[in-house]
C-alpha atoms as a PDB file:
ATOM      1  CA  MET A   1     -96.393-128.704-131.186  1.00  0.00           C
ATOM      2  CA  ARG A   2     -95.004-131.297-128.878  1.00  0.00           C
ATOM      3  CA  VAL A   3     -97.939-133.630-129.376  1.00  0.00           C
ATOM      4  CA  SER A   4     -97.710-133.178-133.122  1.00  0.00           C
ATOM      5  CA  TYR A   5     -93.993-134.012-133.003  1.00  0.00           C
ATOM      6  CA  ILE A   6     -94.621-137.171-131.039  1.00  0.00           C
ATOM      7  CA  ARG A   7     -97.308-138.266-133.481  1.00  0.00           C
ATOM      8  CA  SER A   8     -94.985-137.621-136.318  1.00  0.00           C
ATOM      9  CA  LEU A   9     -92.243-139.572-134.629  1.00  0.00           C
ATOM     10  CA  GLY A  10     -94.649-142.422-134.042  1.00  0.00           C
ATOM     11  CA  THR A  11     -95.592-142.381-137.742  1.00  0.00           C
ATOM     12  CA  PHE A  12     -91.911-142.418-138.679  1.00  0.00           C
ATOM     13  CA  THR A  13     -91.240-145.336-136.331  1.00  0.00           C
ATOM     14  CA  LEU A  14     -94.233-147.276-137.754  1.00  0.00           C
ATOM     15  CA  LEU A  15     -93.018-146.684-141.294  1.00  0.00           C
ATOM     16  CA  LYS A  16     -89.536-147.792-140.291  1.00  0.00           C
ATOM     17  CA  VAL A  17     -90.909-151.015-138.791  1.00  0.00           C
ATOM     18  CA  GLN A  18     -93.003-151.634-141.880  1.00  0.00           C
ATOM     19  CA  HIS A  19     -89.957-151.045-144.088  1.00  0.00           C
ATOM     20  CA  ASN A  20     -87.873-153.471-142.031  1.00  0.00           C
ATOM     21  CA  SER A  21     -90.682-156.038-142.207  1.00  0.00           C
ATOM     22  CA  TYR A  22     -90.806-155.591-145.971  1.00  0.00           C
ATOM     23  CA  ARG A  23     -87.056-156.042-146.204  1.00  0.00           C
ATOM     24  CA  SER A  24     -87.244-159.198-144.062  1.00  0.00           C
ATOM     25  CA  THR A  25     -89.927-160.625-146.356  1.00  0.00           C
ATOM     26  CA  ILE A  26     -87.831-159.882-149.399  1.00  0.00           C
ATOM     27  CA  ASN A  27     -84.779-161.478-147.786  1.00  0.00           C
ATOM     28  CA  LEU A  28     -86.769-164.574-146.832  1.00  0.00           C
ATOM     29  CA  LYS A  29     -88.097-164.954-150.361  1.00  0.00           C
ATOM     30  CA  ALA A  30     -84.552-164.557-151.707  1.00  0.00           C
ATOM     31  CA  GLN A  31     -83.362-167.258-149.348  1.00  0.00           C
ATOM     32  CA  ILE A  32     -86.081-169.603-150.514  1.00  0.00           C
ATOM     33  CA  ARG A  33     -85.216-168.944-154.167  1.00  0.00           C
ATOM     34  CA  THR A  34     -81.541-169.528-153.435  1.00  0.00           C
ATOM     35  CA  GLN A  35     -82.301-172.790-151.656  1.00  0.00           C
ATOM     36  CA  ALA A  36     -84.505-173.956-154.498  1.00  0.00           C
ATOM     37  CA  MET A  37     -81.682-173.318-156.948  1.00  0.00           C
ATOM     38  CA  SER A  38     -79.221-175.007-154.608  1.00  0.00           C
ATOM     39  CA  ASN A  39     -81.031-178.323-154.758  1.00  0.00           C
ATOM     40  CA  GLN A  40     -80.326-178.730-158.482  1.00  0.00           C
ATOM     41  CA  GLN A  41     -76.715-179.650-157.681  1.00  0.00           C
ATOM     42  CA  MET A  42     -77.929-182.337-155.242  1.00  0.00           C
ATOM     43  CA  PHE A  43     -78.833-185.955-155.867  1.00  0.00           C
ATOM     44  CA  LEU A  44     -80.412-188.452-153.512  1.00  0.00           C
ATOM     45  CA  TRP A  45     -80.747-192.195-154.042  1.00  0.00           C
ATOM     46  CA  TRP A  46     -83.463-193.546-151.691  1.00  0.00           C
ATOM     47  CA  GLY A  47     -85.906-196.363-151.060  1.00  0.00           C
ATOM     48  CA  SER A  48     -89.612-196.124-150.252  1.00  0.00           C
ATOM     49  CA  GLY A  49     -90.455-196.954-146.610  1.00  0.00           C
ATOM     50  CA  SER A  50     -86.819-197.060-145.540  1.00  0.00           C
ATOM     51  CA  CYS A  51     -86.452-195.229-142.166  1.00  0.00           C
ATOM     52  CA  PRO A  52     -82.869-194.162-142.883  1.00  0.00           C
ATOM     53  CA  CYS A  53     -83.885-192.739-146.265  1.00  0.00           C
ATOM     54  CA  TRP A  54     -86.913-190.939-144.906  1.00  0.00           C
ATOM     55  CA  LYS A  55     -84.896-188.964-142.294  1.00  0.00           C
ATOM     56  CA  PRO A  56     -82.883-186.774-144.736  1.00  0.00           C
ATOM     57  CA  MET A  57     -85.934-186.418-146.989  1.00  0.00           C
ATOM     58  CA  ILE A  58     -87.817-184.830-144.117  1.00  0.00           C
ATOM     59  CA  VAL A  59     -84.936-182.469-143.425  1.00  0.00           C
ATOM     60  CA  LEU A  60     -84.767-181.498-147.124  1.00  0.00           C
ATOM     61  CA  ALA A  61     -88.529-180.775-147.058  1.00  0.00           C
ATOM     62  CA  GLU A  62     -88.190-178.725-143.887  1.00  0.00           C
ATOM     63  CA  LYS A  63     -85.504-176.629-145.614  1.00  0.00           C
ATOM     64  CA  GLY A  64     -87.637-176.147-148.725  1.00  0.00           C
ATOM     65  CA  LEU A  65     -85.193-178.272-150.745  1.00  0.00           C
ATOM     66  CA  TRP A  66     -87.151-181.449-151.459  1.00  0.00           C
ATOM     67  CA  LYS A  67     -89.473-180.172-154.173  1.00  0.00           C
ATOM     68  CA  GLY A  68     -87.722-180.531-157.520  1.00  0.00           C
ATOM     69  CA  LEU A  69     -84.588-182.149-156.062  1.00  0.00           C
ATOM     70  CA  PRO A  70     -82.921-184.582-158.468  1.00  0.00           C
ATOM     71  CA  ASN A  71     -83.349-188.073-157.062  1.00  0.00           C
ATOM     72  CA  LYS A  72     -83.809-191.714-157.848  1.00  0.00           C
ATOM     73  CA  LEU A  73     -86.231-194.038-156.084  1.00  0.00           C
ATOM     74  CA  ILE A  74     -84.540-197.427-156.094  1.00  0.00           C
ATOM     75  CA  SER A  75     -86.143-200.853-155.872  1.00  0.00           C
ATOM     76  CA  PHE A  76     -85.085-203.017-152.974  1.00  0.00           C
ATOM     77  CA  ASP A  77     -86.605-206.062-154.617  1.00  0.00           C
ATOM     78  CA  GLU A  78     -84.362-205.522-157.669  1.00  0.00           C
ATOM     79  CA  GLU A  79     -81.323-204.780-155.458  1.00  0.00           C
ATOM     80  CA  GLU A  80     -80.823-201.472-157.237  1.00  0.00           C
ATOM     81  CA  TYR A  81     -78.847-200.234-154.222  1.00  0.00           C
ATOM     82  CA  ARG A  82     -76.010-202.219-155.796  1.00  0.00           C
ATOM     83  CA  CYS A  83     -76.128-200.269-159.021  1.00  0.00           C
ATOM     84  CA  SER A  84     -72.864-198.834-160.375  1.00  0.00           C
ATOM     85  CA  ASP A  85     -73.893-195.205-159.689  1.00  0.00           C
ATOM     86  CA  ILE A  86     -74.363-195.902-156.023  1.00  0.00           C
ATOM     87  CA  LEU A  87     -71.357-198.231-155.592  1.00  0.00           C
ATOM     88  CA  ALA A  88     -69.096-195.610-157.214  1.00  0.00           C
ATOM     89  CA  ILE A  89     -69.646-193.245-154.270  1.00  0.00           C
ATOM     90  CA  ASN A  90     -70.905-195.647-151.580  1.00  0.00           C
ATOM     91  CA  PRO A  91     -68.995-198.933-151.663  1.00  0.00           C
ATOM     92  CA  ARG A  92     -71.279-200.370-149.023  1.00  0.00           C
ATOM     93  CA  GLY A  93     -74.097-200.313-151.563  1.00  0.00           C
ATOM     94  CA  GLN A  94     -76.583-198.680-149.227  1.00  0.00           C
ATOM     95  CA  VAL A  95     -79.230-195.954-149.350  1.00  0.00           C
ATOM     96  CA  PRO A  96     -79.582-193.148-148.632  1.00  0.00           C
ATOM     97  CA  THR A  97     -76.665-192.061-150.789  1.00  0.00           C
ATOM     98  CA  PHE A  98     -76.386-188.320-151.185  1.00  0.00           C
ATOM     99  CA  LYS A  99     -74.447-185.805-153.243  1.00  0.00           C
ATOM    100  CA  ASP A 100     -74.315-181.996-152.971  1.00  0.00           C
ATOM    101  CA  GLY A 101     -72.174-180.888-155.888  1.00  0.00           C
ATOM    102  CA  GLU A 102     -68.942-182.779-155.589  1.00  0.00           C
ATOM    103  CA  LEU A 103     -69.480-183.570-151.911  1.00  0.00           C
ATOM    104  CA  VAL A 104     -70.682-187.036-151.014  1.00  0.00           C
ATOM    105  CA  VAL A 105     -72.358-187.629-147.668  1.00  0.00           C
ATOM    106  CA  ASN A 106     -73.665-191.085-146.721  1.00  0.00           C
ATOM    107  CA  GLU A 107     -75.313-192.377-143.553  1.00  0.00           C
ATOM    108  CA  SER A 108     -78.712-190.909-142.817  1.00  0.00           C
ATOM    109  CA  ASN A 109     -77.844-189.037-139.592  1.00  0.00           C
ATOM    110  CA  ALA A 110     -74.713-187.569-141.199  1.00  0.00           C
ATOM    111  CA  ILE A 111     -76.794-186.256-144.127  1.00  0.00           C
ATOM    112  CA  CYS A 112     -79.293-184.715-141.699  1.00  0.00           C
ATOM    113  CA  MET A 113     -76.586-182.970-139.724  1.00  0.00           C
ATOM    114  CA  TYR A 114     -74.878-181.692-142.879  1.00  0.00           C
ATOM    115  CA  LEU A 115     -78.083-180.239-144.273  1.00  0.00           C
ATOM    116  CA  GLU A 116     -78.836-178.675-140.915  1.00  0.00           C
ATOM    117  CA  GLU A 117     -75.431-176.998-140.736  1.00  0.00           C
ATOM    118  CA  LYS A 118     -75.386-175.739-144.324  1.00  0.00           C
ATOM    119  CA  TYR A 119     -79.004-174.843-145.172  1.00  0.00           C
ATOM    120  CA  SER A 120     -80.603-173.614-141.946  1.00  0.00           C
ATOM    121  CA  THR A 121     -82.209-170.256-141.570  1.00  0.00           C
ATOM    122  CA  ALA A 122     -83.763-168.689-138.496  1.00  0.00           C
ATOM    123  CA  GLU A 123     -87.156-169.905-139.848  1.00  0.00           C
ATOM    124  CA  ASN A 124     -86.291-173.553-140.561  1.00  0.00           C
ATOM    125  CA  ARG A 125     -83.597-174.481-138.038  1.00  0.00           C
ATOM    126  CA  LEU A 126     -83.935-177.938-136.521  1.00  0.00           C
ATOM    127  CA  LEU A 127     -81.380-177.531-133.747  1.00  0.00           C
ATOM    128  CA  PRO A 128     -81.979-175.353-130.656  1.00  0.00           C
ATOM    129  CA  GLU A 129     -79.756-172.380-129.991  1.00  0.00           C
ATOM    130  CA  THR A 130     -78.282-173.432-126.662  1.00  0.00           C
ATOM    131  CA  PRO A 131     -75.642-176.153-126.218  1.00  0.00           C
ATOM    132  CA  GLU A 132     -77.733-177.624-123.389  1.00  0.00           C
ATOM    133  CA  GLN A 133     -80.782-178.142-125.613  1.00  0.00           C
ATOM    134  CA  ARG A 134     -78.672-179.335-128.510  1.00  0.00           C
ATOM    135  CA  SER A 135     -77.101-181.930-126.329  1.00  0.00           C
ATOM    136  CA  THR A 136     -80.510-183.359-125.615  1.00  0.00           C
ATOM    137  CA  VAL A 137     -81.316-183.440-129.324  1.00  0.00           C
ATOM    138  CA  TYR A 138     -78.069-185.347-129.976  1.00  0.00           C
ATOM    139  CA  TRP A 139     -78.858-187.695-127.141  1.00  0.00           C
ATOM    140  CA  LYS A 140     -82.285-188.504-128.583  1.00  0.00           C
ATOM    141  CA  ILE A 141     -80.920-188.912-132.115  1.00  0.00           C
ATOM    142  CA  PHE A 142     -78.557-191.650-130.982  1.00  0.00           C
ATOM    143  CA  GLU A 143     -81.025-193.136-128.562  1.00  0.00           C
ATOM    144  CA  ALA A 144     -83.582-193.601-131.334  1.00  0.00           C
ATOM    145  CA  SER A 145     -81.522-196.495-132.730  1.00  0.00           C
ATOM    146  CA  ASN A 146     -82.847-198.556-129.803  1.00  0.00           C
ATOM    147  CA  VAL A 147     -86.269-198.650-131.426  1.00  0.00           C
ATOM    148  CA  GLU A 148     -84.674-200.038-134.587  1.00  0.00           C
ATOM    149  CA  ILE A 149     -82.606-202.621-132.665  1.00  0.00           C
ATOM    150  CA  LYS A 150     -85.049-203.699-129.968  1.00  0.00           C
ATOM    151  CA  VAL A 151     -88.312-203.496-131.872  1.00  0.00           C
ATOM    152  CA  LEU A 152     -87.779-203.618-135.637  1.00  0.00           C
ATOM    153  CA  ASP A 153     -84.724-205.832-135.840  1.00  0.00           C
ATOM    154  CA  ALA A 154     -85.604-208.066-132.946  1.00  0.00           C
ATOM    155  CA  LEU A 155     -89.355-208.488-133.483  1.00  0.00           C
ATOM    156  CA  ALA A 156     -90.520-207.357-136.925  1.00  0.00           C
ATOM    157  CA  TYR A 157     -87.625-208.938-138.788  1.00  0.00           C
ATOM    158  CA  TYR A 158     -88.059-212.150-136.805  1.00  0.00           C
ATOM    159  CA  PHE A 159     -91.431-212.536-138.508  1.00  0.00           C
ATOM    160  CA  TYR A 160     -89.984-211.488-141.853  1.00  0.00           C
ATOM    161  CA  TYR A 161     -87.071-213.938-141.884  1.00  0.00           C
ATOM    162  CA  THR A 162     -88.499-216.864-139.897  1.00  0.00           C
ATOM    163  CA  LYS A 163     -90.843-219.334-141.579  1.00  0.00           C
ATOM    164  CA  LYS A 164     -94.176-219.637-139.849  1.00  0.00           C
ATOM    165  CA  GLU A 165     -93.592-223.257-138.959  1.00  0.00           C
ATOM    166  CA  ASP A 166     -90.217-222.388-137.396  1.00  0.00           C
ATOM    167  CA  ARG A 167     -91.461-219.548-135.169  1.00  0.00           C
ATOM    168  CA  ASN A 168     -91.156-220.120-131.435  1.00  0.00           C
ATOM    169  CA  ASP A 169     -93.933-218.714-129.209  1.00  0.00           C
ATOM    170  CA  GLU A 170     -91.635-218.304-126.273  1.00  0.00           C
ATOM    171  CA  VAL A 171     -89.085-216.399-128.388  1.00  0.00           C
ATOM    172  CA  ILE A 172     -91.865-214.143-129.705  1.00  0.00           C
ATOM    173  CA  LYS A 173     -93.176-213.536-126.186  1.00  0.00           C
ATOM    174  CA  GLU A 174     -89.733-212.471-125.020  1.00  0.00           C
ATOM    175  CA  LYS A 175     -89.213-210.203-128.013  1.00  0.00           C
ATOM    176  CA  VAL A 176     -92.620-208.571-127.529  1.00  0.00           C
ATOM    177  CA  ALA A 177     -91.793-207.905-123.821  1.00  0.00           C
ATOM    178  CA  THR A 178     -88.464-206.283-124.858  1.00  0.00           C
ATOM    179  CA  ALA A 179     -90.248-204.163-127.465  1.00  0.00           C
ATOM    180  CA  LYS A 180     -92.857-203.005-124.952  1.00  0.00           C
ATOM    181  CA  THR A 181     -90.167-202.036-122.467  1.00  0.00           C
ATOM    182  CA  GLU A 182     -88.463-199.941-125.129  1.00  0.00           C
ATOM    183  CA  LEU A 183     -91.683-198.186-126.126  1.00  0.00           C
ATOM    184  CA  SER A 184     -92.389-197.470-122.472  1.00  0.00           C
ATOM    185  CA  HIS A 185     -89.197-195.374-122.281  1.00  0.00           C
ATOM    186  CA  TRP A 186     -90.452-193.223-125.184  1.00  0.00           C
ATOM    187  CA  GLU A 187     -93.936-193.012-123.705  1.00  0.00           C
ATOM    188  CA  LYS A 188     -92.495-191.549-120.548  1.00  0.00           C
ATOM    189  CA  ALA A 189     -90.259-189.158-122.522  1.00  0.00           C
ATOM    190  CA  LEU A 190     -93.242-187.819-124.508  1.00  0.00           C
ATOM    191  CA  THR A 191     -95.898-187.628-121.798  1.00  0.00           C
ATOM    192  CA  GLY A 192     -97.219-184.054-121.700  1.00  0.00           C
ATOM    193  CA  LYS A 193     -95.114-183.034-124.713  1.00  0.00           C
ATOM    194  CA  SER A 194     -95.620-182.541-128.397  1.00  0.00           C
ATOM    195  CA  TYR A 195     -91.981-183.000-129.398  1.00  0.00           C
ATOM    196  CA  LEU A 196     -89.018-184.878-127.996  1.00  0.00           C
ATOM    197  CA  VAL A 197     -86.993-181.821-127.081  1.00  0.00           C
ATOM    198  CA  GLY A 198     -88.446-178.426-126.126  1.00  0.00           C
ATOM    199  CA  ASP A 199     -91.448-176.859-127.789  1.00  0.00           C
ATOM    200  CA  ASN A 200     -90.332-177.220-131.410  1.00  0.00           C
ATOM    201  CA  PHE A 201     -89.818-179.946-134.020  1.00  0.00           C
ATOM    202  CA  THR A 202     -86.101-180.791-134.106  1.00  0.00           C
ATOM    203  CA  LEU A 203     -83.638-183.267-135.636  1.00  0.00           C
ATOM    204  CA  ALA A 204     -84.480-185.538-132.675  1.00  0.00           C
ATOM    205  CA  ASP A 205     -87.999-185.910-134.104  1.00  0.00           C
ATOM    206  CA  VAL A 206     -86.685-186.316-137.628  1.00  0.00           C
ATOM    207  CA  CYS A 207     -84.523-189.236-136.530  1.00  0.00           C
ATOM    208  CA  PHE A 208     -87.110-190.872-134.258  1.00  0.00           C
ATOM    209  CA  TYR A 209     -90.450-190.517-135.982  1.00  0.00           C
ATOM    210  CA  PRO A 210     -89.826-192.742-139.058  1.00  0.00           C
ATOM    211  CA  TYR A 211     -89.316-195.763-136.800  1.00  0.00           C
ATOM    212  CA  ILE A 212     -92.622-195.104-135.030  1.00  0.00           C
ATOM    213  CA  ALA A 213     -94.383-194.677-138.358  1.00  0.00           C
ATOM    214  CA  PHE A 214     -92.928-198.006-139.513  1.00  0.00           C
ATOM    215  CA  LEU A 215     -94.244-199.742-136.371  1.00  0.00           C
ATOM    216  CA  VAL A 216     -97.713-198.394-137.061  1.00  0.00           C
ATOM    217  CA  ARG A 217     -97.383-199.535-140.676  1.00  0.00           C
ATOM    218  CA  LEU A 218     -96.684-203.048-139.417  1.00  0.00           C
ATOM    219  CA  GLY A 219     -99.772-203.126-137.246  1.00  0.00           C
ATOM    220  CA  ALA A 220     -98.810-201.424-133.980  1.00  0.00           C
ATOM    221  CA  SER A 221    -101.829-199.554-132.557  1.00  0.00           C
ATOM    222  CA  LEU A 222     -99.872-197.970-129.715  1.00  0.00           C
ATOM    223  CA  LYS A 223    -103.069-198.226-127.674  1.00  0.00           C
ATOM    224  CA  ASP A 224    -101.093-198.728-124.481  1.00  0.00           C
ATOM    225  CA  TYR A 225     -98.936-195.701-125.254  1.00  0.00           C
ATOM    226  CA  PRO A 226    -101.277-192.700-125.573  1.00  0.00           C
ATOM    227  CA  ALA A 227     -98.518-190.073-125.571  1.00  0.00           C
ATOM    228  CA  LEU A 228     -96.628-191.929-128.253  1.00  0.00           C
ATOM    229  CA  ARG A 229     -99.798-192.361-130.341  1.00  0.00           C
ATOM    230  CA  LYS A 230    -100.568-188.649-130.017  1.00  0.00           C
ATOM    231  CA  TYR A 231     -97.022-187.832-131.048  1.00  0.00           C
ATOM    232  CA  TYR A 232     -97.353-190.100-134.103  1.00  0.00           C
ATOM    233  CA  ASP A 233    -100.570-188.411-135.152  1.00  0.00           C
ATOM    234  CA  THR A 234     -99.081-184.915-134.684  1.00  0.00           C
ATOM    235  CA  ILE A 235     -95.882-185.525-136.645  1.00  0.00           C
ATOM    236  CA  THR A 236     -97.715-187.452-139.398  1.00  0.00           C
ATOM    237  CA  ALA A 237     -99.742-184.312-140.178  1.00  0.00           C
ATOM    238  CA  ARG A 238     -96.643-182.210-140.605  1.00  0.00           C
ATOM    239  CA  PRO A 239     -96.278-180.904-144.216  1.00  0.00           C
ATOM    240  CA  SER A 240     -92.649-182.107-144.576  1.00  0.00           C
ATOM    241  CA  VAL A 241     -93.724-185.631-143.520  1.00  0.00           C
ATOM    242  CA  GLN A 242     -96.705-185.693-145.886  1.00  0.00           C
ATOM    243  CA  ALA A 243     -94.519-184.378-148.784  1.00  0.00           C
ATOM    244  CA  THR A 244     -92.096-187.264-148.298  1.00  0.00           C
ATOM    245  CA  TRP A 245     -94.574-189.998-147.290  1.00  0.00           C
ATOM    246  CA  PRO A 246     -93.425-193.402-148.731  1.00  0.00           C
ATOM    247  CA  PRO A 247     -95.105-193.748-152.110  1.00  0.00           C
ATOM    248  CA  HIS A 248     -96.121-197.414-151.713  1.00  0.00           C
ATOM    249  CA  TRP A 249     -97.682-196.635-148.292  1.00  0.00           C
ATOM    250  CA  ARG A 250    -100.167-194.389-150.136  1.00  0.00           C
ATOM    251  CA  GLU A 251    -101.395-197.380-152.092  1.00  0.00           C
ATOM    252  CA  GLY A 252    -103.039-198.865-148.999  1.00  0.00           C
ATOM    253  CA  PRO A 253    -102.282-200.748-145.759  1.00  0.00           C
ATOM    254  CA  THR A 254     -99.986-203.777-145.703  1.00  0.00           C
ATOM    255  CA  ALA A 255    -101.343-207.219-144.937  1.00  0.00           C
ATOM    256  CA  GLU A 256     -98.425-207.855-142.555  1.00  0.00           C
ATOM    257  CA  ASN A 257     -99.589-207.014-139.069  1.00  0.00           C
ATOM    258  CA  HIS A 258     -96.606-208.507-137.301  1.00  0.00           C
ATOM    259  CA  LEU A 259     -96.574-205.852-134.606  1.00  0.00           C
ATOM    260  CA  ALA A 260    -100.266-206.079-133.670  1.00  0.00           C
ATOM    261  CA  ALA A 261     -99.170-206.931-130.060  1.00  0.00           C
ATOM    262  CA  LEU A 262     -97.931-203.374-129.711  1.00  0.00           C
END
């Protein structure tokens, strides 16, 4: 009798666990449906290949909100970022420009943080649970701007905006050295790791990866930075990144290999 009772209790417990698992699945599906409906009140103005634009797009994809989201791909060549729709809510005339219902949120990192706070679930959160780990994520988010300033702005844009006959070899050499020093910091931070903070993909990766992808787009092989190269390959394969990959990058490589020295 006692054995029979224990077996029955075990069966009851198993059924209870299965029932709870079923309820969790139903709740998760309901959350996904709710989020899919929520994106219909959103609107994003963005540009292809723009690192600031790509960041919130990745977050939206991570939250299951990118597919079907109302949006407009603007043309930088046509200066569509100065269109009346954007200027009405973003006087700076910049993208990304984002609306969620009546709420306007501009600046890429601010959009990412807003989406994380409002639309996170236990399954798709991009911030760790502890304040200590979150502080490291915040640190890396702000630190990532160094790649933009010391590599893209300083070196890549020097080639963009300086005529070939006006380029100075000594200036280029100095800028390359600065860029290599910056990448060395990130190589050290990523050695032996898959992500910038902890064992999971976080907002730190969202805000850092697009800059590295842009470097590779402009010819950087990262051959001297194996950890950084492995990181690039790992994050590139992520579904949210592939879903938001810059459309014109899919058309083929660029002829501008300005960062081949990296």
